[in-house]
Structures are given as structure tokens and as C-alpha cells.
Amino acid sequence: MVPGIEQPVGVVGISEKGFATATLTVEGTGGHSSQPTNPKNIGKIARAIAKLEEKLFKGKLSGPGKNYFIAFGD
């Protein structure tokens, strides 16, 4: 697994994947599902979620995870 080391190597995965939390709210008129308003509140939230999904985090390797690959890489 690690060049130049004959013994098995255990890897401790301590890199962080990262996360984000978002609270979405919408203001609009209420109603009943048999007579929804236009635009519908659920549609507004759905479009906001779709926009969030378009802005994915860029991947990066840093800290101990990066140092591991630097130390044991060729």
C-alpha cells in the first residue's frame, strides 16, 4: 500500500468531508391544494433547492490527509 514499506499499513481517515446547513423559508399566500395559488409556495422552495444543488463545493485535500499523501507518495 505504501511504497518502500513491506508491512501492512493501517490508515486512519481523519479528513473532513465538509457540510452545509441551509434554512429555507418562503412567503406567499396560503390556500388549499384544490385551489393552489400561482406561483405555488412549494415551487418556490423547489427552485431554491435546485439553485443550491448547482453550487456544489469544490473538492480539496488539506491538513493531515494531504500530509499523508505528501509523506508517502512517490
PDB file of N, CA and C in Angstrom:
ATOM      1  N   MET A   1       0.816  -1.197   0.000  1.00  0.00           N
ATOM      2  CA  MET A   1       0.000   0.000   0.000  1.00  0.00           C
ATOM      3  C   MET A   1       0.862   1.265   0.000  1.00  0.00           C
ATOM      4  N   VAL A   2       1.943   1.236   0.759  1.00  0.00           N
ATOM      5  CA  VAL A   2       2.838   2.395   0.811  1.00  0.00           C
ATOM      6  C   VAL A   2       4.184   1.982   0.210  1.00  0.00           C
ATOM      7  N   PRO A   3       4.616   2.646  -0.841  1.00  0.00           N
ATOM      8  CA  PRO A   3       5.885   2.283  -1.477  1.00  0.00           C
ATOM      9  C   PRO A   3       7.035   2.269  -0.482  1.00  0.00           C
ATOM     10  N   GLY A   4       7.830   1.189  -0.525  1.00  0.00           N
ATOM     11  CA  GLY A   4       9.005   1.084   0.337  1.00  0.00           C
ATOM     12  C   GLY A   4       8.728   0.505   1.708  1.00  0.00           C
ATOM     13  N   ILE A   5       7.486   0.232   2.042  1.00  0.00           N
ATOM     14  CA  ILE A   5       7.147  -0.354   3.339  1.00  0.00           C
ATOM     15  C   ILE A   5       6.532  -1.720   3.086  1.00  0.00           C
ATOM     16  N   GLU A   6       7.165  -2.752   3.653  1.00  0.00           N
ATOM     17  CA  GLU A   6       6.736  -4.128   3.401  1.00  0.00           C
ATOM     18  C   GLU A   6       5.570  -4.561   4.297  1.00  0.00           C
ATOM     19  N   GLN A   7       5.480  -4.009   5.484  1.00  0.00           N
ATOM     20  CA  GLN A   7       4.445  -4.415   6.436  1.00  0.00           C
ATOM     21  C   GLN A   7       3.086  -3.809   6.063  1.00  0.00           C
ATOM     22  N   PRO A   8       1.992  -4.446   6.484  1.00  0.00           N
ATOM     23  CA  PRO A   8       0.671  -3.837   6.255  1.00  0.00           C
ATOM     24  C   PRO A   8       0.586  -2.475   6.943  1.00  0.00           C
ATOM     25  N   VAL A   9      -0.130  -1.590   6.342  1.00  0.00           N
ATOM     26  CA  VAL A   9      -0.254  -0.227   6.861  1.00  0.00           C
ATOM     27  C   VAL A   9      -1.718   0.044   7.161  1.00  0.00           C
ATOM     28  N   GLY A  10      -1.987   0.535   8.342  1.00  0.00           N
ATOM     29  CA  GLY A  10      -3.338   0.955   8.692  1.00  0.00           C
ATOM     30  C   GLY A  10      -3.480   2.450   8.469  1.00  0.00           C
ATOM     31  N   VAL A  11      -4.541   2.839   7.795  1.00  0.00           N
ATOM     32  CA  VAL A  11      -4.766   4.251   7.501  1.00  0.00           C
ATOM     33  C   VAL A  11      -5.917   4.752   8.376  1.00  0.00           C
ATOM     34  N   VAL A  12      -5.664   5.824   9.088  1.00  0.00           N
ATOM     35  CA  VAL A  12      -6.705   6.453   9.889  1.00  0.00           C
ATOM     36  C   VAL A  12      -7.267   7.612   9.072  1.00  0.00           C
ATOM     37  N   GLY A  13      -8.519   7.486   8.677  1.00  0.00           N
ATOM     38  CA  GLY A  13      -9.138   8.522   7.854  1.00  0.00           C
ATOM     39  C   GLY A  13      -9.641   9.667   8.714  1.00  0.00           C
ATOM     40  N   ILE A  14      -8.889  10.768   8.752  1.00  0.00           N
ATOM     41  CA  ILE A  14      -9.286  11.888   9.606  1.00  0.00           C
ATOM     42  C   ILE A  14      -9.621  13.139   8.810  1.00  0.00           C
ATOM     43  N   SER A  15      -9.711  12.997   7.503  1.00  0.00           N
ATOM     44  CA  SER A  15     -10.067  14.160   6.693  1.00  0.00           C
ATOM     45  C   SER A  15     -11.561  14.431   6.830  1.00  0.00           C
ATOM     46  N   GLU A  16     -11.919  15.665   6.752  1.00  0.00           N
ATOM     47  CA  GLU A  16     -13.316  16.085   6.900  1.00  0.00           C
ATOM     48  C   GLU A  16     -13.951  16.241   5.532  1.00  0.00           C
ATOM     49  N   LYS A  17     -15.158  15.718   5.366  1.00  0.00           N
ATOM     50  CA  LYS A  17     -15.865  15.870   4.098  1.00  0.00           C
ATOM     51  C   LYS A  17     -16.462  17.258   3.960  1.00  0.00           C
ATOM     52  N   GLY A  18     -16.773  17.884   5.048  1.00  0.00           N
ATOM     53  CA  GLY A  18     -17.408  19.195   4.999  1.00  0.00           C
ATOM     54  C   GLY A  18     -18.924  19.056   4.970  1.00  0.00           C
ATOM     55  N   PHE A  19     -19.596  20.130   5.258  1.00  0.00           N
ATOM     56  CA  PHE A  19     -21.054  20.099   5.273  1.00  0.00           C
ATOM     57  C   PHE A  19     -21.586  21.515   5.202  1.00  0.00           C
ATOM     58  N   ALA A  20     -22.843  21.627   4.927  1.00  0.00           N
ATOM     59  CA  ALA A  20     -23.517  22.926   4.914  1.00  0.00           C
ATOM     60  C   ALA A  20     -24.936  22.710   5.406  1.00  0.00           C
ATOM     61  N   THR A  21     -25.458  23.683   6.102  1.00  0.00           N
ATOM     62  CA  THR A  21     -26.828  23.658   6.569  1.00  0.00           C
ATOM     63  C   THR A  21     -27.529  24.902   6.046  1.00  0.00           C
ATOM     64  N   ALA A  22     -28.711  24.718   5.516  1.00  0.00           N
ATOM     65  CA  ALA A  22     -29.472  25.854   4.997  1.00  0.00           C
ATOM     66  C   ALA A  22     -30.899  25.774   5.518  1.00  0.00           C
ATOM     67  N   THR A  23     -31.433  26.911   5.890  1.00  0.00           N
ATOM     68  CA  THR A  23     -32.833  27.006   6.277  1.00  0.00           C
ATOM     69  C   THR A  23     -33.528  27.846   5.220  1.00  0.00           C
ATOM     70  N   LEU A  24     -34.514  27.267   4.582  1.00  0.00           N
ATOM     71  CA  LEU A  24     -35.228  27.967   3.523  1.00  0.00           C
ATOM     72  C   LEU A  24     -36.645  28.295   4.000  1.00  0.00           C
ATOM     73  N   THR A  25     -37.057  29.509   3.758  1.00  0.00           N
ATOM     74  CA  THR A  25     -38.431  29.910   4.055  1.00  0.00           C
ATOM     75  C   THR A  25     -38.986  30.627   2.841  1.00  0.00           C
ATOM     76  N   VAL A  26     -40.276  30.618   2.737  1.00  0.00           N
ATOM     77  CA  VAL A  26     -40.923  31.284   1.619  1.00  0.00           C
ATOM     78  C   VAL A  26     -42.137  32.042   2.150  1.00  0.00           C
ATOM     79  N   GLU A  27     -42.361  33.201   1.576  1.00  0.00           N
ATOM     80  CA  GLU A  27     -43.551  33.962   1.922  1.00  0.00           C
ATOM     81  C   GLU A  27     -44.493  33.938   0.734  1.00  0.00           C
ATOM     82  N   GLY A  28     -45.727  33.671   0.991  1.00  0.00           N
ATOM     83  CA  GLY A  28     -46.719  33.624  -0.069  1.00  0.00           C
ATOM     84  C   GLY A  28     -48.093  33.459   0.546  1.00  0.00           C
ATOM     85  N   THR A  29     -49.060  33.371  -0.299  1.00  0.00           N
ATOM     86  CA  THR A  29     -50.415  33.206   0.206  1.00  0.00           C
ATOM     87  C   THR A  29     -50.690  31.743   0.484  1.00  0.00           C
ATOM     88  N   GLY A  30     -51.473  31.511   1.490  1.00  0.00           N
ATOM     89  CA  GLY A  30     -51.880  30.155   1.825  1.00  0.00           C
ATOM     90  C   GLY A  30     -52.998  29.722   0.899  1.00  0.00           C
ATOM     91  N   GLY A  31     -53.515  28.594   1.153  1.00  0.00           N
ATOM     92  CA  GLY A  31     -54.607  28.116   0.338  1.00  0.00           C
ATOM     93  C   GLY A  31     -54.844  26.650   0.582  1.00  0.00           C
ATOM     94  N   HIS A  32     -55.536  26.053  -0.312  1.00  0.00           N
ATOM     95  CA  HIS A  32     -55.870  24.649  -0.223  1.00  0.00           C
ATOM     96  C   HIS A  32     -55.347  23.970  -1.483  1.00  0.00           C
ATOM     97  N   SER A  33     -54.975  22.702  -1.357  1.00  0.00           N
ATOM     98  CA  SER A  33     -54.402  22.009  -2.509  1.00  0.00           C
ATOM     99  C   SER A  33     -55.383  21.913  -3.676  1.00  0.00           C
ATOM    100  N   SER A  34     -56.677  22.055  -3.409  1.00  0.00           N
ATOM    101  CA  SER A  34     -57.644  22.005  -4.510  1.00  0.00           C
ATOM    102  C   SER A  34     -57.694  23.314  -5.294  1.00  0.00           C
ATOM    103  N   GLN A  35     -57.171  24.393  -4.687  1.00  0.00           N
ATOM    104  CA  GLN A  35     -57.140  25.696  -5.352  1.00  0.00           C
ATOM    105  C   GLN A  35     -55.818  26.403  -5.043  1.00  0.00           C
ATOM    106  N   PRO A  36     -54.708  25.861  -5.569  1.00  0.00           N
ATOM    107  CA  PRO A  36     -53.404  26.459  -5.240  1.00  0.00           C
ATOM    108  C   PRO A  36     -53.232  27.825  -5.887  1.00  0.00           C
ATOM    109  N   THR A  37     -52.451  28.644  -5.220  1.00  0.00           N
ATOM    110  CA  THR A  37     -52.112  29.956  -5.780  1.00  0.00           C
ATOM    111  C   THR A  37     -51.040  29.778  -6.843  1.00  0.00           C
ATOM    112  N   ASN A  38     -50.780  30.811  -7.583  1.00  0.00           N
ATOM    113  CA  ASN A  38     -49.737  30.738  -8.600  1.00  0.00           C
ATOM    114  C   ASN A  38     -48.835  31.950  -8.467  1.00  0.00           C
ATOM    115  N   PRO A  39     -47.530  31.920  -8.269  1.00  0.00           N
ATOM    116  CA  PRO A  39     -46.775  30.678  -8.188  1.00  0.00           C
ATOM    117  C   PRO A  39     -46.984  29.986  -6.844  1.00  0.00           C
ATOM    118  N   LYS A  40     -46.874  28.680  -6.868  1.00  0.00           N
ATOM    119  CA  LYS A  40     -47.090  27.882  -5.661  1.00  0.00           C
ATOM    120  C   LYS A  40     -45.880  27.966  -4.747  1.00  0.00           C
ATOM    121  N   ASN A  41     -46.136  28.002  -3.455  1.00  0.00           N
ATOM    122  CA  ASN A  41     -45.033  28.102  -2.481  1.00  0.00           C
ATOM    123  C   ASN A  41     -44.071  26.923  -2.605  1.00  0.00           C
ATOM    124  N   ILE A  42     -44.605  25.727  -2.817  1.00  0.00           N
ATOM    125  CA  ILE A  42     -43.724  24.561  -2.923  1.00  0.00           C
ATOM    126  C   ILE A  42     -42.807  24.682  -4.131  1.00  0.00           C
ATOM    127  N   GLY A  43     -43.303  25.292  -5.202  1.00  0.00           N
ATOM    128  CA  GLY A  43     -42.472  25.513  -6.391  1.00  0.00           C
ATOM    129  C   GLY A  43     -41.350  26.493  -6.118  1.00  0.00           C
ATOM    130  N   LYS A  44     -41.637  27.517  -5.321  1.00  0.00           N
ATOM    131  CA  LYS A  44     -40.596  28.495  -4.964  1.00  0.00           C
ATOM    132  C   LYS A  44     -39.466  27.810  -4.190  1.00  0.00           C
ATOM    133  N   ILE A  45     -39.839  26.974  -3.227  1.00  0.00           N
ATOM    134  CA  ILE A  45     -38.827  26.257  -2.432  1.00  0.00           C
ATOM    135  C   ILE A  45     -38.058  25.288  -3.332  1.00  0.00           C
ATOM    136  N   ALA A  46     -38.764  24.595  -4.219  1.00  0.00           N
ATOM    137  CA  ALA A  46     -38.113  23.636  -5.111  1.00  0.00           C
ATOM    138  C   ALA A  46     -37.079  24.330  -5.993  1.00  0.00           C
ATOM    139  N   ARG A  47     -37.408  25.500  -6.515  1.00  0.00           N
ATOM    140  CA  ARG A  47     -36.442  26.234  -7.352  1.00  0.00           C
ATOM    141  C   ARG A  47     -35.235  26.668  -6.530  1.00  0.00           C
ATOM    142  N   ALA A  48     -35.458  27.064  -5.286  1.00  0.00           N
ATOM    143  CA  ALA A  48     -34.339  27.459  -4.421  1.00  0.00           C
ATOM    144  C   ALA A  48     -33.417  26.267  -4.156  1.00  0.00           C
ATOM    145  N   ILE A  49     -33.993  25.105  -3.915  1.00  0.00           N
ATOM    146  CA  ILE A  49     -33.191  23.901  -3.685  1.00  0.00           C
ATOM    147  C   ILE A  49     -32.395  23.556  -4.934  1.00  0.00           C
ATOM    148  N   ALA A  50     -33.015  23.655  -6.096  1.00  0.00           N
ATOM    149  CA  ALA A  50     -32.311  23.365  -7.348  1.00  0.00           C
ATOM    150  C   ALA A  50     -31.121  24.302  -7.534  1.00  0.00           C
ATOM    151  N   LYS A  51     -31.282  25.570  -7.186  1.00  0.00           N
ATOM    152  CA  LYS A  51     -30.166  26.523  -7.299  1.00  0.00           C
ATOM    153  C   LYS A  51     -29.038  26.154  -6.341  1.00  0.00           C
ATOM    154  N   LEU A  52     -29.384  25.709  -5.125  1.00  0.00           N
ATOM    155  CA  LEU A  52     -28.353  25.287  -4.169  1.00  0.00           C
ATOM    156  C   LEU A  52     -27.578  24.090  -4.706  1.00  0.00           C
ATOM    157  N   GLU A  53     -28.278  23.159  -5.337  1.00  0.00           N
ATOM    158  CA  GLU A  53     -27.604  21.977  -5.871  1.00  0.00           C
ATOM    159  C   GLU A  53     -26.646  22.324  -7.008  1.00  0.00           C
ATOM    160  N   GLU A  54     -26.863  23.419  -7.695  1.00  0.00           N
ATOM    161  CA  GLU A  54     -25.975  23.834  -8.779  1.00  0.00           C
ATOM    162  C   GLU A  54     -24.651  24.375  -8.245  1.00  0.00           C
ATOM    163  N   LYS A  55     -24.592  24.748  -6.978  1.00  0.00           N
ATOM    164  CA  LYS A  55     -23.409  25.367  -6.386  1.00  0.00           C
ATOM    165  C   LYS A  55     -22.695  24.373  -5.463  1.00  0.00           C
ATOM    166  N   LEU A  56     -22.201  23.274  -6.010  1.00  0.00           N
ATOM    167  CA  LEU A  56     -21.535  22.269  -5.198  1.00  0.00           C
ATOM    168  C   LEU A  56     -20.169  22.764  -4.735  1.00  0.00           C
ATOM    169  N   PHE A  57     -19.740  22.269  -3.571  1.00  0.00           N
ATOM    170  CA  PHE A  57     -18.425  22.614  -3.065  1.00  0.00           C
ATOM    171  C   PHE A  57     -17.351  22.036  -3.981  1.00  0.00           C
ATOM    172  N   LYS A  58     -16.276  22.756  -4.152  1.00  0.00           N
ATOM    173  CA  LYS A  58     -15.125  22.230  -4.883  1.00  0.00           C
ATOM    174  C   LYS A  58     -14.345  21.323  -3.940  1.00  0.00           C
ATOM    175  N   GLY A  59     -13.882  20.210  -4.487  1.00  0.00           N
ATOM    176  CA  GLY A  59     -13.105  19.272  -3.689  1.00  0.00           C
ATOM    177  C   GLY A  59     -11.704  19.790  -3.421  1.00  0.00           C
ATOM    178  N   LYS A  60     -11.197  19.496  -2.248  1.00  0.00           N
ATOM    179  CA  LYS A  60      -9.810  19.842  -1.936  1.00  0.00           C
ATOM    180  C   LYS A  60      -9.308  18.905  -0.854  1.00  0.00           C
ATOM    181  N   LEU A  61      -8.036  18.718  -0.817  1.00  0.00           N
ATOM    182  CA  LEU A  61      -7.396  17.878   0.180  1.00  0.00           C
ATOM    183  C   LEU A  61      -6.435  18.760   0.957  1.00  0.00           C
ATOM    184  N   SER A  62      -6.593  18.797   2.275  1.00  0.00           N
ATOM    185  CA  SER A  62      -5.734  19.643   3.108  1.00  0.00           C
ATOM    186  C   SER A  62      -5.483  18.964   4.443  1.00  0.00           C
ATOM    187  N   GLY A  63      -4.635  19.581   5.232  1.00  0.00           N
ATOM    188  CA  GLY A  63      -4.366  19.098   6.584  1.00  0.00           C
ATOM    189  C   GLY A  63      -3.718  17.726   6.602  1.00  0.00           C
ATOM    190  N   PRO A  64      -4.051  16.901   7.599  1.00  0.00           N
ATOM    191  CA  PRO A  64      -3.419  15.586   7.760  1.00  0.00           C
ATOM    192  C   PRO A  64      -3.613  14.669   6.553  1.00  0.00           C
ATOM    193  N   GLY A  65      -4.774  14.726   5.910  1.00  0.00           N
ATOM    194  CA  GLY A  65      -4.989  13.900   4.727  1.00  0.00           C
ATOM    195  C   GLY A  65      -4.007  14.235   3.622  1.00  0.00           C
ATOM    196  N   LYS A  66      -3.810  15.511   3.368  1.00  0.00           N
ATOM    197  CA  LYS A  66      -2.851  15.957   2.353  1.00  0.00           C
ATOM    198  C   LYS A  66      -1.430  15.584   2.772  1.00  0.00           C
ATOM    199  N   ASN A  67      -1.106  15.804   4.041  1.00  0.00           N
ATOM    200  CA  ASN A  67       0.237  15.477   4.539  1.00  0.00           C
ATOM    201  C   ASN A  67       0.552  13.995   4.390  1.00  0.00           C
ATOM    202  N   TYR A  68      -0.457  13.142   4.562  1.00  0.00           N
ATOM    203  CA  TYR A  68      -0.262  11.696   4.399  1.00  0.00           C
ATOM    204  C   TYR A  68       0.218  11.403   2.981  1.00  0.00           C
ATOM    205  N   PHE A  69      -0.486  11.942   2.001  1.00  0.00           N
ATOM    206  CA  PHE A  69      -0.118  11.659   0.612  1.00  0.00           C
ATOM    207  C   PHE A  69       1.217  12.269   0.240  1.00  0.00           C
ATOM    208  N   ILE A  70       1.558  13.412   0.817  1.00  0.00           N
ATOM    209  CA  ILE A  70       2.876  14.010   0.567  1.00  0.00           C
ATOM    210  C   ILE A  70       3.974  13.139   1.151  1.00  0.00           C
ATOM    211  N   ALA A  71       3.758  12.644   2.372  1.00  0.00           N
ATOM    212  CA  ALA A  71       4.783  11.838   3.065  1.00  0.00           C
ATOM    213  C   ALA A  71       5.009  10.497   2.404  1.00  0.00           C
ATOM    214  N   PHE A  72       3.942   9.851   1.925  1.00  0.00           N
ATOM    215  CA  PHE A  72       4.072   8.501   1.399  1.00  0.00           C
ATOM    216  C   PHE A  72       3.980   8.403  -0.107  1.00  0.00           C
ATOM    217  N   GLY A  73       3.821   9.525  -0.791  1.00  0.00           N
ATOM    218  CA  GLY A  73       3.745   9.493  -2.250  1.00  0.00           C
ATOM    219  C   GLY A  73       5.107   9.313  -2.876  1.00  0.00           C
ATOM    220  N   ASP A  74       5.081   8.936  -4.121  1.00  0.00           N
ATOM    221  CA  ASP A  74       6.351   8.753  -4.855  1.00  0.00           C
ATOM    222  C   ASP A  74       6.960  10.078  -5.207  1.00  0.00           C
TER     223      ASP A  74
END
